[in-house]
């Protein structure tokens, strides 16, 4: 088996490799492009793995690509068949959260023209492109695997290009999508607007039917003027406690279904989407938080998940904590969070970390909580399981509670 040298070519949009491979411009979504130079295309087996690939899409995602190509048989004097296996391994546990996402993987070969004498120069200056495969797969587990046989022309040098992008698969969801070009034009020009949003001195001419289609709050506001008297003031809705740029991005999502500045104002957009009950934008923000979890922001995200009762987000953040608990438990900010975020369903994990990492100040707070909520904890399987895994700790707690 030959281990081939690999180089990574990142492109923020579909430029020459994918267009030359025969894909249409209508698919102009960002791809992460990977290229390797195979100088041993006639070998029995070629394999490589690329760890730490970051998708150039928001929210970003880390994955590993594993590729194996095996010589299969000769087709004729100029071509042979290769049997390939391509596997994407995702470095997170998000497949349960992202059931409506899929991944598109395309592959193309860049070969020198038949009349080329210098293979390397020919590939660089006037390559011959051959589209090998294009697959769209739903992600239902921690990896996606694609297997196929393709025919490729014999060559001393072969460039293989892999393009990877994530796409949204809404399936049969009954969601109104006002994303036609005329909707974008209406937002930009305010043509035929029938209401205005006045946000800290800035005015946005908007359309009631579009806002109502995405937001139950706006729907109620426009339908019940007696409850929302600001709706009757010169046909203008006054919003004094949001930043105009946040409202602008909120409207961009309402009109187009996109959130182009999600990365730079995710928290503000989430709060605005929560207030106006714009479910799709709120979900996009939650997914962005999950994909972007790090030691620097996980406590803030846990606090926000608790404030807004985001159970899925909290679960993913706690999974991140368990993965990095050795480092997290050394940080005072995390220990302070454990002391103020005491819950029936989280006591067992907190006590386990206290026993493992010697967090005495946290353990003292937890023991007070256990004493106050002993009845509820007596019905918690996680807490009762500590009698089996941590008998000494539970003996100490038992004495403290009944002293």
Protein backbone atom coordinates (compact mmCIF):
# COMPACT_ATOMS: atom_id res chain seq x y z
CA UNK A 1 0.00 0.00 0.00
CA UNK A 2 1.39 3.37 -1.05
CA UNK A 3 1.00 6.31 1.32
CA UNK A 4 0.64 9.33 -0.96
CA UNK A 5 1.69 12.87 -0.09
CA UNK A 6 -1.33 15.10 0.32
CA UNK A 7 -1.80 18.82 -0.02
CA UNK A 8 -4.92 20.67 1.02
CA UNK A 9 -6.44 23.30 -1.23
CA UNK A 10 -9.14 25.36 0.47
CA UNK A 11 -11.55 27.36 -1.65
CA UNK A 12 -14.31 29.54 -0.23
CA UNK A 13 -16.52 29.19 -3.30
CA UNK A 14 -16.86 26.98 -6.33
CA UNK A 15 -14.09 28.10 -8.63
CA UNK A 16 -12.12 26.28 -11.30
CA UNK A 17 -11.74 22.72 -9.93
CA UNK A 18 -15.44 22.06 -9.45
CA UNK A 19 -16.66 24.03 -12.44
CA UNK A 20 -14.14 22.34 -14.69
CA UNK A 21 -15.31 19.02 -13.33
CA UNK A 22 -18.70 19.66 -14.88
CA UNK A 23 -20.82 20.83 -11.93
CA UNK A 24 -23.40 23.50 -12.56
CA UNK A 25 -23.15 27.07 -11.31
CA UNK A 26 -26.54 26.62 -9.63
CA UNK A 27 -24.77 24.67 -6.90
CA UNK A 28 -22.67 27.68 -5.96
CA UNK A 29 -22.30 26.81 -2.29
CA UNK A 30 -18.95 26.87 -0.50
CA UNK A 31 -16.90 23.71 -0.82
CA UNK A 32 -13.81 22.63 1.04
CA UNK A 33 -11.44 21.38 -1.65
CA UNK A 34 -8.77 18.75 -1.02
CA UNK A 35 -6.20 17.81 -3.64
CA UNK A 36 -3.58 15.11 -3.66
CA UNK A 37 -0.97 14.26 -6.28
CA UNK A 38 -0.86 10.56 -7.05
CA UNK A 39 2.30 9.60 -8.89
CA UNK A 40 1.57 5.89 -8.44
CA UNK A 41 -1.82 5.49 -10.08
CA UNK A 42 -1.03 1.98 -11.26
CA UNK A 43 -0.12 0.71 -7.80
CA UNK A 44 -2.22 -2.03 -6.29
CA UNK A 45 -3.40 0.24 -3.49
CA UNK A 46 -3.13 3.93 -2.60
CA UNK A 47 -4.35 5.31 0.73
CA UNK A 48 -4.24 8.46 2.80
CA UNK A 49 -6.00 10.18 5.68
CA UNK A 50 -6.44 13.89 6.27
CA UNK A 51 -7.28 14.86 9.88
CA UNK A 52 -8.46 18.23 11.11
CA UNK A 53 -10.35 19.41 8.02
CA UNK A 54 -12.54 22.42 8.82
CA UNK A 55 -15.53 22.93 6.56
CA UNK A 56 -15.57 26.47 5.23
CA UNK A 57 -19.22 26.94 6.11
CA UNK A 58 -20.96 28.44 9.09
CA UNK A 59 -21.22 26.84 11.52
CA UNK A 60 -17.81 25.31 10.95
CA UNK A 61 -17.25 21.62 11.53
CA UNK A 62 -14.19 19.43 11.91
CA UNK A 63 -13.85 16.12 10.12
CA UNK A 64 -11.30 13.63 8.82
CA UNK A 65 -11.19 12.22 5.31
CA UNK A 66 -9.93 8.69 4.71
CA UNK A 67 -9.37 7.55 1.13
CA UNK A 68 -8.36 4.21 -0.31
CA UNK A 69 -8.04 3.45 -4.03
CA UNK A 70 -7.32 -0.07 -5.30
CA UNK A 71 -6.39 -1.03 -8.82
CA UNK A 72 -9.24 -3.21 -10.10
CA UNK A 73 -8.64 -4.23 -13.74
CA UNK A 74 -7.74 -2.92 -17.18
CA UNK A 75 -10.50 -1.62 -19.42
CA UNK A 76 -8.37 -1.13 -22.52
CA UNK A 77 -4.89 0.05 -23.40
CA UNK A 78 -5.58 3.57 -22.11
CA UNK A 79 -7.94 3.11 -19.15
CA UNK A 80 -8.22 1.03 -16.03
CA UNK A 81 -10.83 0.63 -13.30
CA UNK A 82 -10.20 1.68 -9.72
CA UNK A 83 -12.24 0.63 -6.74
CA UNK A 84 -12.33 3.44 -4.19
CA UNK A 85 -13.55 3.91 -0.65
CA UNK A 86 -13.97 7.40 0.78
CA UNK A 87 -14.93 7.89 4.40
CA UNK A 88 -15.71 11.11 6.26
CA UNK A 89 -15.27 10.86 10.02
CA UNK A 90 -16.82 13.68 12.06
CA UNK A 91 -14.95 14.83 15.15
CA UNK A 92 -18.07 15.57 17.19
CA UNK A 93 -21.29 13.87 18.26
CA UNK A 94 -23.69 16.06 16.35
CA UNK A 95 -25.39 13.55 14.09
CA UNK A 96 -28.39 13.35 16.43
CA UNK A 97 -28.77 17.11 16.38
CA UNK A 98 -28.29 17.53 12.63
CA UNK A 99 -30.74 15.01 11.26
CA UNK A 100 -31.82 17.41 8.55
CA UNK A 101 -28.31 17.97 7.26
CA UNK A 102 -26.55 16.08 4.55
CA UNK A 103 -23.13 16.20 2.95
CA UNK A 104 -22.29 16.43 -0.71
CA UNK A 105 -19.00 14.94 -1.83
CA UNK A 106 -17.73 15.36 -5.37
CA UNK A 107 -14.56 13.99 -6.89
CA UNK A 108 -12.76 14.79 -10.11
CA UNK A 109 -9.50 13.78 -11.71
CA UNK A 110 -7.17 16.33 -13.29
CA UNK A 111 -5.15 14.53 -15.94
CA UNK A 112 -2.63 15.77 -18.49
CA UNK A 113 -3.82 15.89 -22.13
CA UNK A 114 -3.03 12.83 -24.21
CA UNK A 115 -0.43 14.73 -26.24
CA UNK A 116 1.40 16.07 -23.19
CA UNK A 117 5.09 15.37 -22.88
CA UNK A 118 5.62 16.95 -19.49
CA UNK A 119 2.92 15.58 -17.21
CA UNK A 120 3.44 17.96 -14.35
CA UNK A 121 3.41 21.11 -16.50
CA UNK A 122 0.47 19.87 -18.49
CA UNK A 123 -1.65 19.29 -15.40
CA UNK A 124 -0.84 22.77 -14.20
CA UNK A 125 -1.43 24.65 -17.47
CA UNK A 126 -4.03 22.77 -19.51
CA UNK A 127 -5.43 19.81 -17.60
CA UNK A 128 -7.99 17.35 -18.81
CA UNK A 129 -10.84 17.06 -16.31
CA UNK A 130 -12.84 13.95 -15.58
CA UNK A 131 -15.76 13.97 -13.15
CA UNK A 132 -15.49 10.76 -11.14
CA UNK A 133 -18.43 10.90 -8.74
CA UNK A 134 -20.94 13.14 -6.97
CA UNK A 135 -22.79 11.85 -3.93
CA UNK A 136 -25.26 13.38 -1.48
CA UNK A 137 -25.61 11.53 1.81
CA UNK A 138 -27.58 12.13 4.97
CA UNK A 139 -25.48 11.95 8.10
CA UNK A 140 -27.01 9.38 10.41
CA UNK A 141 -23.90 8.39 12.36
CA UNK A 142 -20.43 9.68 13.21
CA UNK A 143 -19.17 8.89 9.70
CA UNK A 144 -20.23 8.66 6.07
CA UNK A 145 -18.75 6.05 3.73
CA UNK A 146 -18.90 6.02 -0.07
CA UNK A 147 -17.76 3.10 -2.21
CA UNK A 148 -17.72 2.94 -5.98
CA UNK A 149 -15.75 1.86 -9.04
CA UNK A 150 -14.57 4.45 -11.57
CA UNK A 151 -12.60 4.34 -14.78
CA UNK A 152 -9.62 6.66 -15.09
CA UNK A 153 -7.17 7.14 -17.95
CA UNK A 154 -3.65 5.88 -17.40
CA UNK A 155 -1.23 8.64 -16.54
CA UNK A 156 2.10 9.06 -14.88
CA UNK A 157 0.65 11.87 -12.76
CA UNK A 158 -2.90 12.21 -11.48
CA UNK A 159 -4.45 14.98 -9.39
CA UNK A 160 -7.57 13.94 -7.50
CA UNK A 161 -9.84 16.70 -6.18
CA UNK A 162 -12.45 16.15 -3.48
CA UNK A 163 -15.08 18.77 -2.75
CA UNK A 164 -17.10 18.57 0.46
CA UNK A 165 -19.99 20.74 1.55
CA UNK A 166 -22.84 20.48 4.01
CA UNK A 167 -26.36 21.10 2.76
CA UNK A 168 -29.71 21.54 4.45
CA UNK A 169 -32.25 18.80 3.72
CA UNK A 170 -35.64 19.99 4.94
CA UNK A 171 -37.42 16.88 3.66
CA UNK A 172 -41.16 17.19 3.94
CA UNK A 173 -41.16 20.08 6.40
CA UNK A 174 -44.04 22.44 5.78
CA UNK A 175 -42.10 25.70 6.01
CA UNK A 176 -42.87 28.74 3.93
CA UNK A 177 -39.67 29.92 2.28
CA UNK A 178 -39.99 33.48 0.94
CA UNK A 179 -36.55 33.27 -0.64
CA UNK A 180 -37.44 34.14 -4.26
CA UNK A 181 -35.43 36.93 -5.91
CA UNK A 182 -38.41 39.30 -5.70
CA UNK A 183 -38.40 38.95 -1.89
CA UNK A 184 -34.77 40.09 -1.79
CA UNK A 185 -35.66 43.03 -3.99
CA UNK A 186 -38.59 43.94 -1.73
CA UNK A 187 -36.31 44.01 1.31
CA UNK A 188 -33.69 46.11 -0.44
CA UNK A 189 -36.06 48.68 -1.94
CA UNK A 190 -39.04 48.62 0.43
CA UNK A 191 -41.32 48.48 -2.60
CA UNK A 192 -45.02 48.02 -1.66
CA UNK A 193 -44.18 47.97 2.06
CA UNK A 194 -47.20 48.34 4.33
CA UNK A 195 -45.53 48.88 7.72
CA UNK A 196 -42.27 50.24 9.06
CA UNK A 197 -39.95 49.10 11.84
CA UNK A 198 -38.31 52.03 13.63
CA UNK A 199 -35.19 50.83 15.45
CA UNK A 200 -33.22 53.47 17.36
CA UNK A 201 -33.61 56.08 14.64
CA UNK A 202 -33.28 53.72 11.70
CA UNK A 203 -36.37 52.87 9.66
CA UNK A 204 -36.97 49.58 7.81
CA UNK A 205 -39.91 49.49 5.36
CA UNK A 206 -41.24 45.91 5.56
CA UNK A 207 -44.18 43.75 4.55
CA UNK A 208 -46.66 42.39 7.05
CA UNK A 209 -47.37 39.15 5.21
CA UNK A 210 -43.67 38.18 5.10
CA UNK A 211 -43.03 38.99 8.75
CA UNK A 212 -46.23 37.23 9.77
CA UNK A 213 -45.29 34.11 7.81
CA UNK A 214 -42.14 33.65 9.90
CA UNK A 215 -43.02 35.17 13.29
CA UNK A 216 -46.11 34.41 15.41
CA UNK A 217 -45.28 37.53 17.43
CA UNK A 218 -45.44 39.82 14.38
CA UNK A 219 -48.55 37.95 13.24
CA UNK A 220 -50.27 38.72 16.54
CA UNK A 221 -48.99 42.28 16.49
CA UNK A 222 -50.37 43.04 13.05
CA UNK A 223 -53.61 41.18 13.69
CA UNK A 224 -54.45 42.69 17.07
CA UNK A 225 -53.63 46.36 17.00
CA UNK A 226 -55.55 47.01 20.21
CA UNK A 227 -53.05 44.85 22.11
CA UNK A 228 -50.05 46.46 20.43
CA UNK A 229 -50.87 50.19 20.29
CA UNK A 230 -47.44 50.99 18.81
CA UNK A 231 -48.67 49.23 15.67
CA UNK A 232 -51.15 52.06 15.08
CA UNK A 233 -48.66 54.91 15.41
CA UNK A 234 -48.17 56.18 11.86
CA UNK A 235 -48.01 52.62 10.57
CA UNK A 236 -44.76 52.13 12.45
CA UNK A 237 -43.57 49.54 14.98
CA UNK A 238 -41.05 51.03 17.42
CA UNK A 239 -38.21 48.80 18.70
CA UNK A 240 -35.94 50.63 21.12
CA UNK A 241 -34.04 47.79 22.77
CA UNK A 242 -32.41 46.08 19.80
CA UNK A 243 -29.45 47.14 17.69
CA UNK A 244 -30.45 48.22 14.15
CA UNK A 245 -27.86 45.89 12.61
CA UNK A 246 -29.34 42.94 14.50
CA UNK A 247 -32.84 43.81 13.26
CA UNK A 248 -31.45 44.17 9.73
CA UNK A 249 -30.01 40.65 9.88
CA UNK A 250 -33.25 39.38 11.38
CA UNK A 251 -35.08 40.79 8.35
CA UNK A 252 -32.53 39.30 5.96
CA UNK A 253 -33.38 35.90 7.40
CA UNK A 254 -37.14 36.54 7.21
CA UNK A 255 -36.93 37.54 3.55
CA UNK A 256 -34.24 35.13 2.31
CA UNK A 257 -33.96 32.27 4.80
CA UNK A 258 -30.23 33.03 5.18
CA UNK A 259 -28.17 34.41 8.06
CA UNK A 260 -24.98 35.83 6.49
CA UNK A 261 -23.68 37.46 9.69
CA UNK A 262 -24.54 34.64 12.06
CA UNK A 263 -20.90 34.12 13.03
CA UNK A 264 -20.36 37.71 14.19
CA UNK A 265 -23.64 38.27 16.07
CA UNK A 266 -24.95 34.83 16.98
CA UNK A 267 -25.95 35.71 20.56
CA UNK A 268 -27.81 38.89 19.57
CA UNK A 269 -29.55 37.14 16.67
CA UNK A 270 -30.58 34.29 18.94
CA UNK A 271 -32.11 36.67 21.48
CA UNK A 272 -33.99 38.52 18.74
CA UNK A 273 -35.19 35.26 17.18
CA UNK A 274 -36.30 34.04 20.60
CA UNK A 275 -38.26 37.24 21.27
CA UNK A 276 -40.08 37.11 17.92
CA UNK A 277 -40.33 33.29 17.87
CA UNK A 278 -38.59 32.89 14.52
CA UNK A 279 -38.00 29.15 14.81
CA UNK A 280 -35.65 28.61 11.87
CA UNK A 281 -33.26 31.40 12.86
CA UNK A 282 -33.31 30.30 16.48
CA UNK A 283 -32.46 26.77 15.40
CA UNK A 284 -29.65 28.01 13.16
CA UNK A 285 -28.19 29.95 16.10
CA UNK A 286 -28.41 26.92 18.41
CA UNK A 287 -26.62 24.79 15.83
CA UNK A 288 -23.94 27.46 15.46
CA UNK A 289 -23.39 27.39 19.24
CA UNK A 290 -23.05 23.61 19.20
CA UNK A 291 -20.61 23.52 16.29
CA UNK A 292 -18.54 26.29 17.87
CA UNK A 293 -18.22 24.87 21.40
CA UNK A 294 -14.82 25.50 22.97
CA UNK A 295 -13.29 25.79 26.41
CA UNK A 296 -13.51 29.57 26.09
CA UNK A 297 -17.28 29.73 25.52
CA UNK A 298 -18.82 26.54 26.92
CA UNK A 299 -19.70 28.14 30.29
CA UNK A 300 -21.41 31.09 28.61
CA UNK A 301 -23.35 28.68 26.39
CA UNK A 302 -24.35 26.55 29.39
CA UNK A 303 -25.62 29.68 31.18
CA UNK A 304 -27.58 30.70 28.09
CA UNK A 305 -29.00 27.18 27.67
CA UNK A 306 -30.23 27.33 31.26
CA UNK A 307 -31.71 30.81 30.87
CA UNK A 308 -33.68 29.94 27.72
CA UNK A 309 -34.32 26.28 28.66
CA UNK A 310 -32.48 24.91 25.63
CA UNK A 311 -32.28 21.24 26.57
CA UNK A 312 -30.57 20.05 23.39
CA UNK A 313 -27.92 22.77 23.55
CA UNK A 314 -27.29 22.07 27.23
CA UNK A 315 -26.88 18.36 26.55
CA UNK A 316 -24.31 19.00 23.80
CA UNK A 317 -22.41 21.47 25.95
CA UNK A 318 -22.27 18.97 28.82
CA UNK A 319 -20.99 16.30 26.44
CA UNK A 320 -18.21 18.73 25.48
CA UNK A 321 -17.43 19.29 29.18
CA UNK A 322 -17.20 15.54 29.83
CA UNK A 323 -14.78 15.20 26.91
CA UNK A 324 -12.54 18.00 28.23
CA UNK A 325 -13.19 17.71 31.95
CA UNK A 326 -9.52 17.20 32.86
CA UNK A 327 -8.71 20.70 31.60
CA UNK A 328 -12.04 22.29 32.54
CA UNK A 329 -11.89 21.30 36.21
CA UNK A 330 -8.67 23.28 36.67
CA UNK A 331 -10.43 26.54 35.75
CA UNK A 332 -12.02 28.56 38.53
CA UNK A 333 -14.73 29.86 36.21
CA UNK A 334 -15.90 26.29 35.57
CA UNK A 335 -15.88 25.44 39.28
CA UNK A 336 -17.95 28.56 39.97
CA UNK A 337 -20.40 27.45 37.30
CA UNK A 338 -20.77 24.03 38.93
CA UNK A 339 -21.56 25.71 42.26
CA UNK A 340 -24.35 27.87 40.83
CA UNK A 341 -25.79 25.36 38.35
CA UNK A 342 -26.92 22.61 40.69
CA UNK A 343 -29.74 20.47 39.26
CA UNK A 344 -31.26 17.12 40.14
CA UNK A 345 -30.26 15.64 36.78
CA UNK A 346 -26.67 16.91 37.02
CA UNK A 347 -25.68 16.18 40.62
CA UNK A 348 -24.27 12.73 39.87
CA UNK A 349 -21.86 14.03 37.22
CA UNK A 350 -20.76 16.91 39.45
CA UNK A 351 -20.09 14.61 42.41
CA UNK A 352 -18.17 12.23 40.17
CA UNK A 353 -15.90 15.09 39.03
CA UNK A 354 -15.48 16.25 42.63
CA UNK A 355 -14.29 12.79 43.66
CA UNK A 356 -11.97 12.47 40.67
CA UNK A 357 -10.41 15.94 40.68
CA UNK A 358 -10.60 16.89 44.38
CA UNK A 359 -12.86 19.95 44.03
CA UNK A 360 -13.63 20.32 47.73
CA UNK A 361 -15.33 23.73 47.52
CA UNK A 362 -17.68 22.42 44.84
CA UNK A 363 -18.36 19.24 46.81
CA UNK A 364 -19.39 21.32 49.85
CA UNK A 365 -21.98 23.19 47.75
CA UNK A 366 -23.27 19.95 46.23
CA UNK A 367 -23.66 18.32 49.64
CA UNK A 368 -25.80 21.26 50.79
CA UNK A 369 -27.93 20.82 47.67
CA UNK A 370 -28.24 17.07 48.32
CA UNK A 371 -29.41 17.73 51.87
CA UNK A 372 -32.12 20.13 50.65
CA UNK A 373 -33.31 17.83 47.85
CA UNK A 374 -32.78 14.38 49.33
CA UNK A 375 -36.34 13.25 48.53
CA UNK A 376 -36.07 14.06 44.81
CA UNK A 377 -32.57 12.58 44.57
CA UNK A 378 -33.79 9.34 46.15
CA UNK A 379 -35.63 8.74 42.86
CA UNK A 380 -32.70 9.66 40.59
CA UNK A 381 -31.04 6.63 38.99
CA UNK A 382 -27.86 8.58 38.27
CA UNK A 383 -27.49 9.66 41.88
CA UNK A 384 -28.32 6.22 43.31
CA UNK A 385 -25.77 4.69 40.94
CA UNK A 386 -23.03 6.48 42.88
CA UNK A 387 -23.59 4.04 45.78
CA UNK A 388 -22.13 1.39 43.49
CA UNK A 389 -19.36 3.41 41.80
CA UNK A 390 -18.35 5.77 44.64
CA UNK A 391 -19.33 4.12 47.95
CA UNK A 392 -16.93 6.17 50.11
CA UNK A 393 -18.23 9.45 48.71
CA UNK A 394 -21.86 8.40 49.24
CA UNK A 395 -21.09 7.31 52.78
CA UNK A 396 -19.71 10.79 53.47
CA UNK A 397 -22.82 12.40 51.95
CA UNK A 398 -25.11 10.09 53.95
CA UNK A 399 -23.45 11.12 57.22
CA UNK A 400 -23.64 14.83 56.25
CA UNK A 401 -27.34 14.67 55.32
CA UNK A 402 -28.39 12.84 58.52
CA UNK A 403 -26.20 14.54 61.08
